[in-house]
Amino acid sequence: MKKFSKLIASVAALVMGLSVSLTALAAPSPSTTTTNSGNGGFDVSAYITKDHTDVPASAVGEDIWAEARAAAKQFFGDDAQVIKVFSLTYNLTEATDITVVTSALNPGQNIAILHKKADGTWENLRMVSLVNGEATATYTSLSPVAIVVKGKISPKTGVTIAVTGLLSLVALFGAAVCFKKFKA
């Protein structure tokens, strides 16, 4: 009977230890790809913040993506990742706050918006706000725009940590050794 209760206690301890190492079911992290997904995956819209006038947004070619990646690295270093590049078309007569809406924007991201000026250079725009997938910045002209995540992107949620399971097994083995020495 004693051996059976020791076996049950050991199995229960093992199950409890391994259950700690299992991941919680969570929503997948949004993709932060750095390639153009084409018009089929284009999900950018924009509007003038003050009066909600639509600003047409369109996809750009891979050459603009490459320029945006180079500009992001120049401004923010090797950790910067371009997550969206698109072109905005509207006739601006003065500095205007424009809100960009896309599923690529997520809470907690440290983002910047880069804009390609008429002379071909890129500038870092002044961010006004980033709320609920909407980034507002002040534009003086429109042309290709890149959304950049500064620094490292957080890992996906729900990633299994195998170390916890391994530590649970080591702890269980240590407890068995200590228990055996205590009995002797």
Protein backbone atom coordinates (compact mmCIF):
# COMPACT_ATOMS: atom_id res chain seq x y z
CA MET A 1 0.00 0.00 0.00
CA LYS A 2 2.87 2.38 0.82
CA LYS A 3 4.52 1.79 -2.54
CA PHE A 4 1.21 2.44 -4.32
CA SER A 5 0.65 5.77 -2.52
CA LYS A 6 4.26 6.79 -3.33
CA LEU A 7 3.61 5.96 -6.98
CA ILE A 8 0.37 7.98 -7.01
CA ALA A 9 2.11 10.92 -5.30
CA SER A 10 4.98 10.78 -7.80
CA VAL A 11 2.63 10.65 -10.79
CA ALA A 12 0.55 13.52 -9.38
CA ALA A 13 3.70 15.61 -8.83
CA LEU A 14 4.86 14.84 -12.37
CA VAL A 15 1.48 15.80 -13.86
CA MET A 16 1.37 19.04 -11.86
CA GLY A 17 4.94 19.91 -12.84
CA LEU A 18 4.34 19.25 -16.53
CA SER A 19 1.04 21.14 -16.52
CA VAL A 20 2.95 24.29 -15.61
CA SER A 21 4.99 23.93 -18.80
CA LEU A 22 1.95 23.81 -21.10
CA THR A 23 1.08 26.97 -22.97
CA ALA A 24 -2.14 28.84 -22.63
CA LEU A 25 -4.31 29.06 -25.68
CA ALA A 26 -4.02 32.64 -26.86
CA ALA A 27 -4.77 34.61 -29.97
CA PRO A 28 -1.94 34.41 -32.46
CA SER A 29 0.35 37.41 -32.71
CA PRO A 30 -0.22 39.50 -35.77
CA SER A 31 2.19 39.01 -38.61
CA THR A 32 4.97 41.49 -39.01
CA THR A 33 6.23 40.44 -42.37
CA THR A 34 8.56 42.67 -44.29
CA THR A 35 7.46 41.77 -47.78
CA ASN A 36 4.76 43.23 -49.94
CA SER A 37 1.75 40.93 -49.94
CA GLY A 38 0.34 42.42 -53.14
CA ASN A 39 -3.08 43.93 -53.68
CA GLY A 40 -4.83 40.79 -52.41
CA GLY A 41 -3.51 41.42 -48.90
CA PHE A 42 -3.55 45.23 -49.04
CA ASP A 43 -5.42 46.49 -45.99
CA VAL A 44 -4.49 50.16 -45.65
CA SER A 45 -6.93 53.05 -45.58
CA ALA A 46 -6.36 56.66 -44.63
CA TYR A 47 -8.32 59.80 -43.88
CA ILE A 48 -7.72 63.43 -42.95
CA THR A 49 -8.14 63.42 -39.19
CA LYS A 50 -9.92 66.77 -38.95
CA ASP A 51 -12.85 66.10 -41.29
CA HIS A 52 -12.58 62.35 -42.12
CA THR A 53 -12.00 63.01 -45.83
CA ASP A 54 -10.76 59.82 -47.49
CA VAL A 55 -7.15 59.77 -48.68
CA PRO A 56 -6.60 57.12 -51.39
CA ALA A 57 -3.99 54.49 -50.46
CA SER A 58 -2.40 52.04 -52.88
CA ALA A 59 0.23 49.32 -52.93
CA VAL A 60 3.80 50.07 -54.04
CA GLY A 61 6.43 48.01 -55.82
CA GLU A 62 9.25 46.00 -54.27
CA ASP A 63 11.77 48.74 -55.16
CA ILE A 64 10.00 51.17 -52.78
CA TRP A 65 9.94 48.45 -50.09
CA ALA A 66 13.72 48.09 -50.48
CA GLU A 67 14.21 51.85 -50.18
CA ALA A 68 12.00 51.93 -47.08
CA ARG A 69 13.98 49.10 -45.44
CA ALA A 70 17.26 50.97 -46.11
CA ALA A 71 15.82 54.21 -44.71
CA ALA A 72 14.49 52.41 -41.60
CA LYS A 73 17.92 50.94 -40.89
CA GLN A 74 19.51 54.35 -41.39
CA PHE A 75 17.08 56.06 -38.98
CA PHE A 76 16.63 53.34 -36.34
CA GLY A 77 19.37 50.72 -36.75
CA ASP A 78 19.40 47.06 -37.69
CA ASP A 79 16.49 46.14 -35.38
CA ALA A 80 14.02 48.31 -37.31
CA GLN A 81 11.47 46.32 -39.31
CA VAL A 82 9.28 47.74 -42.05
CA ILE A 83 5.79 46.27 -41.69
CA LYS A 84 3.84 48.25 -44.32
CA VAL A 85 4.73 50.43 -47.29
CA PHE A 86 2.06 52.15 -49.36
CA SER A 87 1.40 55.30 -51.33
CA LEU A 88 -1.03 58.02 -50.27
CA THR A 89 -2.45 60.36 -52.91
CA TYR A 90 -4.08 63.67 -52.06
CA ASN A 91 -3.37 67.34 -52.79
CA LEU A 92 -2.23 68.90 -49.51
CA THR A 93 -1.94 72.69 -49.23
CA GLU A 94 -0.64 72.78 -45.65
CA ALA A 95 0.63 70.51 -42.87
CA THR A 96 -2.22 68.07 -42.23
CA ASP A 97 -2.83 65.32 -39.70
CA ILE A 98 -3.70 62.10 -41.53
CA THR A 99 -4.78 58.89 -39.85
CA VAL A 100 -3.67 55.58 -41.37
CA VAL A 101 -5.67 52.44 -40.53
CA THR A 102 -4.19 48.96 -41.00
CA SER A 103 -4.24 45.60 -39.25
CA ALA A 104 -0.42 45.72 -39.04
CA LEU A 105 -0.57 48.22 -36.17
CA ASN A 106 -0.84 46.74 -32.70
CA PRO A 107 -0.88 48.11 -29.17
CA GLY A 108 2.52 48.27 -27.53
CA GLN A 109 4.49 48.60 -30.75
CA ASN A 110 7.13 51.30 -30.85
CA ILE A 111 6.44 52.56 -34.36
CA ALA A 112 7.56 55.37 -36.61
CA ILE A 113 6.21 56.59 -39.91
CA LEU A 114 8.66 57.38 -42.69
CA HIS A 115 7.73 59.43 -45.74
CA LYS A 116 9.53 59.65 -49.06
CA LYS A 117 9.85 63.31 -50.03
CA ALA A 118 9.77 64.62 -53.61
CA ASP A 119 13.59 64.85 -53.68
CA GLY A 120 13.85 61.09 -53.03
CA THR A 121 14.99 61.29 -49.40
CA TRP A 122 13.05 59.77 -46.52
CA GLU A 123 11.93 61.71 -43.46
CA ASN A 124 10.68 60.59 -40.04
CA LEU A 125 7.22 62.12 -39.55
CA ARG A 126 5.98 63.52 -36.26
CA MET A 127 3.59 60.96 -34.76
CA VAL A 128 0.47 62.42 -33.21
CA SER A 129 -1.07 59.20 -31.88
CA LEU A 130 -1.28 55.40 -32.18
CA VAL A 131 -4.61 54.07 -30.98
CA ASN A 132 -6.53 50.89 -31.90
CA GLY A 133 -4.67 50.18 -35.13
CA GLU A 134 -4.81 53.81 -36.26
CA ALA A 135 -1.63 55.89 -36.55
CA THR A 136 -1.95 59.65 -36.93
CA ALA A 137 0.97 61.74 -38.15
CA THR A 138 1.47 65.21 -39.57
CA TYR A 139 2.14 65.24 -43.34
CA THR A 140 3.28 68.18 -45.48
CA SER A 141 3.13 66.21 -48.74
CA LEU A 142 2.09 62.72 -49.80
CA SER A 143 3.92 59.96 -51.59
CA PRO A 144 5.22 56.57 -50.42
CA VAL A 145 4.85 56.02 -46.68
CA ALA A 146 6.41 53.26 -44.56
CA ILE A 147 5.35 52.05 -41.13
CA VAL A 148 8.37 50.89 -39.14
CA VAL A 149 8.56 49.02 -35.86
CA LYS A 150 11.53 50.36 -33.93
CA GLY A 151 13.46 47.79 -31.92
CA LYS A 152 12.71 44.12 -31.60
CA ILE A 153 9.23 42.80 -32.23
CA SER A 154 7.74 40.94 -29.28
CA PRO A 155 7.63 37.16 -29.60
CA LYS A 156 4.40 35.46 -30.50
CA THR A 157 2.03 34.67 -27.66
CA GLY A 158 1.61 31.07 -26.62
CA VAL A 159 5.19 29.97 -27.26
CA THR A 160 5.99 26.76 -25.35
CA ILE A 161 8.69 27.05 -22.77
CA ALA A 162 10.22 23.58 -22.66
CA VAL A 163 12.64 24.60 -19.92
CA THR A 164 9.78 24.63 -17.39
CA GLY A 165 8.95 21.01 -18.14
CA LEU A 166 12.59 20.00 -17.90
CA LEU A 167 12.97 21.81 -14.58
CA SER A 168 9.86 20.04 -13.31
CA LEU A 169 11.42 16.66 -14.12
CA VAL A 170 14.71 17.62 -12.45
CA ALA A 171 12.82 18.78 -9.35
CA LEU A 172 10.83 15.54 -9.26
CA PHE A 173 14.02 13.49 -9.57
CA GLY A 174 15.65 15.56 -6.80
CA ALA A 175 12.63 15.05 -4.55
CA ALA A 176 12.75 11.27 -5.15
CA VAL A 177 16.48 11.15 -4.29
CA CYS A 178 15.96 13.22 -1.14
CA PHE A 179 12.99 11.10 -0.09
CA LYS A 180 15.01 7.90 -0.57
CA LYS A 181 17.90 9.30 1.53
CA PHE A 182 15.47 10.43 4.20
CA LYS A 183 13.94 6.92 4.45
CA ALA A 184 17.35 5.28 4.74
